[in-house]
N, C-alpha and C. Protein backbone atom coordinates (compact mmCIF):
# COMPACT_ATOMS: atom_id res chain seq x y z
N UNK A 1 -3.24 26.76 -1.73
CA UNK A 1 -3.24 27.60 -0.54
C UNK A 1 -4.59 28.32 -0.44
N UNK A 2 -5.06 28.40 0.79
CA UNK A 2 -6.34 29.06 1.03
C UNK A 2 -6.13 30.54 1.30
N UNK A 3 -7.09 31.37 0.90
CA UNK A 3 -6.97 32.80 1.18
C UNK A 3 -7.01 33.07 2.69
N UNK A 4 -6.18 33.98 3.17
CA UNK A 4 -6.12 34.27 4.61
C UNK A 4 -7.47 34.66 5.21
N UNK A 5 -8.27 35.38 4.48
CA UNK A 5 -9.57 35.81 5.03
C UNK A 5 -10.53 34.63 5.21
N UNK A 6 -10.35 33.57 4.44
CA UNK A 6 -11.18 32.38 4.59
C UNK A 6 -10.85 31.62 5.87
N UNK A 7 -9.57 31.49 6.18
CA UNK A 7 -9.15 30.68 7.31
C UNK A 7 -9.00 31.46 8.62
N UNK A 8 -9.04 32.78 8.54
CA UNK A 8 -8.84 33.59 9.75
C UNK A 8 -9.76 33.19 10.90
N UNK A 9 -11.07 33.01 10.66
CA UNK A 9 -11.92 32.61 11.80
C UNK A 9 -11.57 31.23 12.35
N UNK A 10 -11.11 30.33 11.49
CA UNK A 10 -10.73 28.98 11.93
C UNK A 10 -9.44 29.02 12.74
N UNK A 11 -8.52 29.90 12.35
CA UNK A 11 -7.29 30.08 13.13
C UNK A 11 -7.63 30.71 14.48
N UNK A 12 -8.45 31.75 14.44
CA UNK A 12 -8.80 32.48 15.66
C UNK A 12 -9.48 31.59 16.69
N UNK A 13 -10.25 30.62 16.21
CA UNK A 13 -10.95 29.72 17.12
C UNK A 13 -9.98 29.05 18.09
N UNK A 14 -8.82 28.66 17.60
CA UNK A 14 -7.82 28.03 18.47
C UNK A 14 -6.95 29.07 19.19
N UNK A 15 -6.57 30.12 18.49
CA UNK A 15 -5.74 31.16 19.10
C UNK A 15 -6.45 31.76 20.32
N UNK A 16 -7.74 31.99 20.19
CA UNK A 16 -8.51 32.56 21.31
C UNK A 16 -8.67 31.59 22.47
N UNK A 17 -8.31 30.33 22.25
CA UNK A 17 -8.37 29.32 23.32
C UNK A 17 -6.99 29.02 23.90
N UNK A 18 -6.00 29.82 23.54
CA UNK A 18 -4.68 29.66 24.13
C UNK A 18 -3.63 28.99 23.26
N UNK A 19 -3.98 28.66 22.03
CA UNK A 19 -3.02 28.02 21.12
C UNK A 19 -2.17 29.10 20.44
N UNK A 20 -0.90 28.81 20.28
CA UNK A 20 0.01 29.71 19.55
C UNK A 20 0.00 29.32 18.09
N UNK A 21 -0.20 30.29 17.23
CA UNK A 21 -0.19 30.07 15.78
C UNK A 21 1.26 30.02 15.31
N UNK A 22 1.68 28.87 14.82
CA UNK A 22 3.06 28.66 14.39
C UNK A 22 3.07 28.58 12.87
N UNK A 23 3.92 29.37 12.24
CA UNK A 23 3.88 29.48 10.78
C UNK A 23 5.18 29.13 10.07
N UNK A 24 6.25 28.86 10.82
CA UNK A 24 7.52 28.55 10.17
C UNK A 24 8.09 27.23 10.69
N UNK A 25 8.95 26.63 9.90
CA UNK A 25 9.62 25.39 10.31
C UNK A 25 10.52 25.63 11.53
N UNK A 26 11.13 26.79 11.60
CA UNK A 26 12.00 27.11 12.73
C UNK A 26 11.21 27.14 14.03
N UNK A 27 10.02 27.74 14.00
CA UNK A 27 9.19 27.77 15.21
C UNK A 27 8.79 26.35 15.62
N UNK A 28 8.43 25.53 14.64
CA UNK A 28 8.07 24.14 14.93
C UNK A 28 9.23 23.45 15.62
N UNK A 29 10.43 23.61 15.07
CA UNK A 29 11.62 22.98 15.67
C UNK A 29 11.85 23.45 17.10
N UNK A 30 11.64 24.73 17.37
CA UNK A 30 11.83 25.25 18.73
C UNK A 30 10.93 24.52 19.72
N UNK A 31 9.70 24.27 19.34
CA UNK A 31 8.77 23.59 20.23
C UNK A 31 9.00 22.08 20.30
N UNK A 32 9.21 21.45 19.15
CA UNK A 32 9.22 19.99 19.12
C UNK A 32 10.59 19.38 19.39
N UNK A 33 11.64 20.17 19.35
CA UNK A 33 12.97 19.67 19.69
C UNK A 33 13.28 19.84 21.17
N UNK A 34 12.38 20.45 21.91
CA UNK A 34 12.60 20.72 23.32
C UNK A 34 12.50 19.42 24.12
N UNK A 35 13.60 19.01 24.73
CA UNK A 35 13.60 17.75 25.46
C UNK A 35 13.23 17.91 26.94
N UNK A 36 12.66 19.05 27.28
CA UNK A 36 12.27 19.29 28.66
C UNK A 36 10.84 19.82 28.78
N UNK A 37 10.00 19.58 27.77
CA UNK A 37 8.64 20.10 27.84
C UNK A 37 7.67 19.19 27.09
N UNK A 38 6.40 19.51 27.26
CA UNK A 38 5.35 18.83 26.51
C UNK A 38 4.70 19.85 25.58
N UNK A 39 4.39 19.40 24.37
CA UNK A 39 3.76 20.28 23.38
C UNK A 39 2.66 19.51 22.66
N UNK A 40 1.50 20.14 22.59
CA UNK A 40 0.37 19.59 21.86
C UNK A 40 0.19 20.41 20.59
N UNK A 41 0.14 19.73 19.45
CA UNK A 41 0.02 20.38 18.16
C UNK A 41 -1.30 20.00 17.50
N UNK A 42 -2.03 20.99 17.05
CA UNK A 42 -3.22 20.76 16.23
C UNK A 42 -2.88 21.16 14.81
N UNK A 43 -2.96 20.19 13.89
CA UNK A 43 -2.85 20.51 12.47
C UNK A 43 -4.26 20.85 12.03
N UNK A 44 -4.53 22.14 11.96
CA UNK A 44 -5.85 22.67 11.65
C UNK A 44 -6.13 22.50 10.16
N UNK A 45 -7.40 22.58 9.80
CA UNK A 45 -7.80 22.30 8.43
C UNK A 45 -9.12 22.98 8.12
N UNK A 46 -9.36 23.18 6.82
CA UNK A 46 -10.63 23.72 6.35
C UNK A 46 -11.69 22.62 6.30
N UNK A 47 -11.27 21.39 6.17
CA UNK A 47 -12.17 20.26 5.99
C UNK A 47 -13.34 20.28 6.97
N UNK A 48 -14.53 20.47 6.46
CA UNK A 48 -15.71 20.57 7.31
C UNK A 48 -16.09 19.27 7.97
N UNK A 49 -15.83 18.14 7.33
CA UNK A 49 -16.27 16.85 7.86
C UNK A 49 -15.52 16.45 9.12
N UNK A 50 -14.30 16.92 9.30
CA UNK A 50 -13.53 16.54 10.49
C UNK A 50 -13.11 17.76 11.30
N UNK A 51 -12.69 18.82 10.64
CA UNK A 51 -12.16 19.98 11.35
C UNK A 51 -13.23 20.69 12.17
N UNK A 52 -14.46 20.59 11.73
CA UNK A 52 -15.52 21.27 12.47
C UNK A 52 -15.71 20.68 13.87
N UNK A 53 -15.27 19.46 14.10
CA UNK A 53 -15.29 18.88 15.44
C UNK A 53 -13.90 18.87 16.09
N UNK A 54 -12.86 18.92 15.28
CA UNK A 54 -11.50 18.92 15.83
C UNK A 54 -11.22 20.20 16.60
N UNK A 55 -11.58 21.34 16.04
CA UNK A 55 -11.32 22.61 16.73
C UNK A 55 -12.07 22.71 18.06
N UNK A 56 -13.37 22.41 18.09
CA UNK A 56 -14.04 22.45 19.40
C UNK A 56 -13.43 21.46 20.40
N UNK A 57 -13.01 20.30 19.92
CA UNK A 57 -12.38 19.32 20.81
C UNK A 57 -11.09 19.88 21.39
N UNK A 58 -10.29 20.52 20.56
CA UNK A 58 -9.03 21.12 21.02
C UNK A 58 -9.31 22.25 22.02
N UNK A 59 -10.37 23.00 21.80
CA UNK A 59 -10.75 24.07 22.75
C UNK A 59 -11.17 23.47 24.09
N UNK A 60 -11.98 22.43 24.04
CA UNK A 60 -12.43 21.77 25.28
C UNK A 60 -11.21 21.24 26.03
N UNK A 61 -10.31 20.57 25.34
CA UNK A 61 -9.13 19.97 25.98
C UNK A 61 -8.26 21.05 26.63
N UNK A 62 -8.24 22.24 26.07
CA UNK A 62 -7.42 23.33 26.61
C UNK A 62 -7.93 23.84 27.95
N UNK A 63 -9.09 23.37 28.38
CA UNK A 63 -9.63 23.76 29.68
C UNK A 63 -9.34 22.71 30.76
N UNK A 64 -8.66 21.65 30.39
CA UNK A 64 -8.33 20.58 31.34
C UNK A 64 -7.40 21.10 32.43
N UNK A 65 -7.44 20.48 33.61
CA UNK A 65 -6.56 20.88 34.70
C UNK A 65 -5.09 20.63 34.36
N UNK A 66 -4.80 19.49 33.75
CA UNK A 66 -3.43 19.17 33.34
C UNK A 66 -3.29 19.52 31.86
N UNK A 67 -2.33 20.38 31.57
CA UNK A 67 -2.09 20.80 30.19
C UNK A 67 -0.61 20.66 29.84
N UNK A 68 -0.34 20.51 28.54
CA UNK A 68 1.06 20.54 28.11
C UNK A 68 1.65 21.94 28.36
N UNK A 69 2.96 22.01 28.34
CA UNK A 69 3.63 23.31 28.48
C UNK A 69 3.27 24.23 27.32
N UNK A 70 3.06 23.65 26.14
CA UNK A 70 2.79 24.44 24.94
C UNK A 70 1.59 23.88 24.18
N UNK A 71 0.72 24.76 23.76
CA UNK A 71 -0.38 24.43 22.85
C UNK A 71 -0.10 25.21 21.58
N UNK A 72 0.12 24.50 20.47
CA UNK A 72 0.41 25.19 19.22
C UNK A 72 -0.48 24.66 18.11
N UNK A 73 -0.57 25.44 17.04
CA UNK A 73 -1.35 25.02 15.89
C UNK A 73 -0.68 25.49 14.60
N UNK A 74 -0.77 24.66 13.60
CA UNK A 74 -0.37 25.01 12.23
C UNK A 74 -1.59 24.76 11.36
N UNK A 75 -1.66 25.44 10.24
CA UNK A 75 -2.85 25.31 9.39
C UNK A 75 -2.45 24.70 8.05
N UNK A 76 -2.94 23.47 7.81
CA UNK A 76 -2.66 22.79 6.53
C UNK A 76 -3.29 23.60 5.40
N UNK A 77 -2.57 23.74 4.32
CA UNK A 77 -3.06 24.50 3.18
C UNK A 77 -2.83 25.99 3.31
N UNK A 78 -2.23 26.41 4.42
CA UNK A 78 -1.92 27.83 4.64
C UNK A 78 -0.47 27.96 5.09
N UNK A 79 -0.15 27.32 6.22
CA UNK A 79 1.20 27.37 6.79
C UNK A 79 1.98 26.16 6.29
N UNK A 80 2.26 26.16 5.00
CA UNK A 80 2.83 24.98 4.34
C UNK A 80 4.13 24.53 5.00
N UNK A 81 5.05 25.45 5.19
CA UNK A 81 6.37 25.11 5.74
C UNK A 81 6.23 24.52 7.15
N UNK A 82 5.45 25.16 7.98
CA UNK A 82 5.27 24.69 9.36
C UNK A 82 4.55 23.34 9.38
N UNK A 83 3.53 23.18 8.54
CA UNK A 83 2.79 21.92 8.50
C UNK A 83 3.68 20.78 8.06
N UNK A 84 4.47 20.99 7.02
CA UNK A 84 5.39 19.95 6.55
C UNK A 84 6.38 19.57 7.65
N UNK A 85 6.84 20.55 8.40
CA UNK A 85 7.81 20.26 9.46
C UNK A 85 7.17 19.46 10.58
N UNK A 86 5.96 19.82 11.00
CA UNK A 86 5.26 19.04 12.03
C UNK A 86 5.08 17.61 11.55
N UNK A 87 4.70 17.44 10.30
CA UNK A 87 4.46 16.09 9.77
C UNK A 87 5.72 15.23 9.78
N UNK A 88 6.88 15.84 9.64
CA UNK A 88 8.13 15.09 9.75
C UNK A 88 8.28 14.50 11.15
N UNK A 89 7.92 15.28 12.15
CA UNK A 89 8.00 14.82 13.53
C UNK A 89 6.97 13.73 13.84
N UNK A 90 5.91 13.67 13.04
CA UNK A 90 4.82 12.72 13.28
C UNK A 90 5.00 11.39 12.56
N UNK A 91 6.08 11.24 11.83
CA UNK A 91 6.33 9.97 11.17
C UNK A 91 6.44 8.87 12.21
N UNK A 92 5.95 7.69 11.95
CA UNK A 92 5.56 7.08 10.68
C UNK A 92 4.10 7.31 10.29
N UNK A 93 3.38 8.13 11.04
CA UNK A 93 1.99 8.39 10.67
C UNK A 93 1.95 9.16 9.35
N UNK A 94 1.05 8.78 8.45
CA UNK A 94 0.94 9.51 7.19
C UNK A 94 0.29 10.87 7.40
N UNK A 95 0.56 11.81 6.51
CA UNK A 95 -0.05 13.14 6.64
C UNK A 95 -1.57 13.05 6.63
N UNK A 96 -2.19 13.74 7.56
CA UNK A 96 -3.64 13.87 7.54
C UNK A 96 -3.99 15.17 8.23
N UNK A 97 -5.05 15.77 7.76
CA UNK A 97 -5.51 16.99 8.41
C UNK A 97 -7.04 17.00 8.38
N UNK A 98 -7.59 17.34 9.52
CA UNK A 98 -6.89 17.71 10.73
C UNK A 98 -6.29 16.48 11.42
N UNK A 99 -5.34 16.74 12.27
CA UNK A 99 -4.78 15.71 13.14
C UNK A 99 -4.18 16.42 14.34
N UNK A 100 -3.81 15.64 15.34
CA UNK A 100 -3.30 16.22 16.59
C UNK A 100 -2.20 15.33 17.13
N UNK A 101 -1.19 15.96 17.74
CA UNK A 101 -0.06 15.20 18.25
C UNK A 101 0.41 15.78 19.57
N UNK A 102 0.76 14.89 20.48
CA UNK A 102 1.34 15.31 21.75
C UNK A 102 2.78 14.82 21.81
N UNK A 103 3.67 15.74 22.13
CA UNK A 103 5.09 15.45 22.24
C UNK A 103 5.54 15.67 23.69
N UNK A 104 6.34 14.75 24.19
CA UNK A 104 6.92 14.90 25.52
C UNK A 104 8.42 14.71 25.40
N UNK A 105 9.15 15.69 25.88
CA UNK A 105 10.61 15.65 25.83
C UNK A 105 11.13 15.36 24.42
N UNK A 106 10.49 15.98 23.44
CA UNK A 106 10.91 15.84 22.05
C UNK A 106 10.47 14.57 21.36
N UNK A 107 9.67 13.74 22.02
CA UNK A 107 9.22 12.48 21.44
C UNK A 107 7.71 12.47 21.26
N UNK A 108 7.25 11.94 20.14
CA UNK A 108 5.82 11.79 19.89
C UNK A 108 5.28 10.70 20.81
N UNK A 109 4.28 11.06 21.64
CA UNK A 109 3.73 10.09 22.59
C UNK A 109 2.25 9.78 22.33
N UNK A 110 1.58 10.61 21.55
CA UNK A 110 0.15 10.38 21.27
C UNK A 110 -0.18 11.07 19.95
N UNK A 111 -0.92 10.36 19.09
CA UNK A 111 -1.29 10.93 17.79
C UNK A 111 -2.73 10.60 17.48
N UNK A 112 -3.46 11.59 17.02
CA UNK A 112 -4.86 11.42 16.64
C UNK A 112 -4.97 11.73 15.15
N UNK A 113 -5.22 10.70 14.37
CA UNK A 113 -5.34 10.86 12.93
C UNK A 113 -6.74 11.33 12.55
N UNK A 114 -6.86 11.80 11.34
CA UNK A 114 -8.13 12.29 10.84
C UNK A 114 -9.23 11.24 10.99
N UNK A 115 -8.93 9.99 10.72
CA UNK A 115 -9.97 8.96 10.78
C UNK A 115 -10.42 8.71 12.22
N UNK A 116 -9.66 9.20 13.21
CA UNK A 116 -10.10 9.13 14.61
C UNK A 116 -10.97 10.34 14.97
N UNK A 117 -11.04 11.31 14.07
CA UNK A 117 -11.80 12.54 14.29
C UNK A 117 -13.12 12.51 13.54
N UNK A 118 -13.07 12.06 12.29
CA UNK A 118 -14.26 12.05 11.43
C UNK A 118 -15.40 11.27 12.07
N UNK A 119 -16.58 11.87 12.05
CA UNK A 119 -17.77 11.18 12.51
C UNK A 119 -17.91 11.08 14.02
N UNK A 120 -16.98 11.69 14.75
CA UNK A 120 -17.05 11.66 16.21
C UNK A 120 -17.39 13.05 16.74
N UNK A 121 -18.18 13.11 17.79
CA UNK A 121 -18.49 14.42 18.37
C UNK A 121 -17.27 15.02 19.06
N UNK A 122 -17.26 16.33 19.16
CA UNK A 122 -16.13 17.04 19.76
C UNK A 122 -15.84 16.54 21.17
N UNK A 123 -16.86 16.23 21.93
CA UNK A 123 -16.67 15.77 23.31
C UNK A 123 -15.89 14.45 23.37
N UNK A 124 -16.16 13.56 22.44
CA UNK A 124 -15.46 12.27 22.40
C UNK A 124 -13.99 12.47 22.02
N UNK A 125 -13.75 13.34 21.06
CA UNK A 125 -12.37 13.64 20.65
C UNK A 125 -11.63 14.30 21.81
N UNK A 126 -12.30 15.21 22.50
CA UNK A 126 -11.69 15.89 23.64
C UNK A 126 -11.32 14.90 24.74
N UNK A 127 -12.15 13.89 24.96
CA UNK A 127 -11.84 12.87 25.97
C UNK A 127 -10.53 12.17 25.64
N UNK A 128 -10.32 11.88 24.35
CA UNK A 128 -9.08 11.25 23.90
C UNK A 128 -7.89 12.16 24.21
N UNK A 129 -8.02 13.43 23.89
CA UNK A 129 -6.93 14.40 24.11
C UNK A 129 -6.66 14.54 25.62
N UNK A 130 -7.71 14.71 26.39
CA UNK A 130 -7.57 14.91 27.83
C UNK A 130 -6.93 13.69 28.49
N UNK A 131 -7.28 12.50 28.05
CA UNK A 131 -6.63 11.29 28.59
C UNK A 131 -5.14 11.32 28.35
N UNK A 132 -4.72 11.78 27.16
CA UNK A 132 -3.30 11.89 26.86
C UNK A 132 -2.65 12.98 27.73
N UNK A 133 -3.32 14.11 27.90
CA UNK A 133 -2.79 15.17 28.76
C UNK A 133 -2.60 14.64 30.18
N UNK A 134 -3.59 13.93 30.69
CA UNK A 134 -3.52 13.43 32.05
C UNK A 134 -2.41 12.39 32.23
N UNK A 135 -2.13 11.65 31.18
CA UNK A 135 -1.08 10.63 31.26
C UNK A 135 0.33 11.22 31.12
N UNK A 136 0.50 12.16 30.20
CA UNK A 136 1.85 12.62 29.84
C UNK A 136 2.25 14.00 30.35
N UNK A 137 1.29 14.77 30.85
CA UNK A 137 1.63 16.16 31.26
C UNK A 137 1.72 16.30 32.78
């Protein structure tokens, strides 16, 4: 587990862009079991090689005209219970962080794994997210 003071700026980066910080399995279930809404989840991470572009991409995507009903984030290595619960909903994809998932009516409809984030600029990642928003939201 990472110290809260280390990850606070990384959490704030998304929270200040409209993402709700989700820290419990119950909160995850409330969002992802909803069969009448869309929810985009960012599994945030300390990993500099991928997370440093994932967060800006998620911020850019949050400015799109079409958005999911809910923008939420959990932090791997900090919000253990919430992260594990999100990952259950993301099966059969293996756990990876950072990663991003879009759910519509309680079903996973789009998933961005870490290997789709690494080595790509934030703008390219954001294009992927925005395309999913435009299709499903």
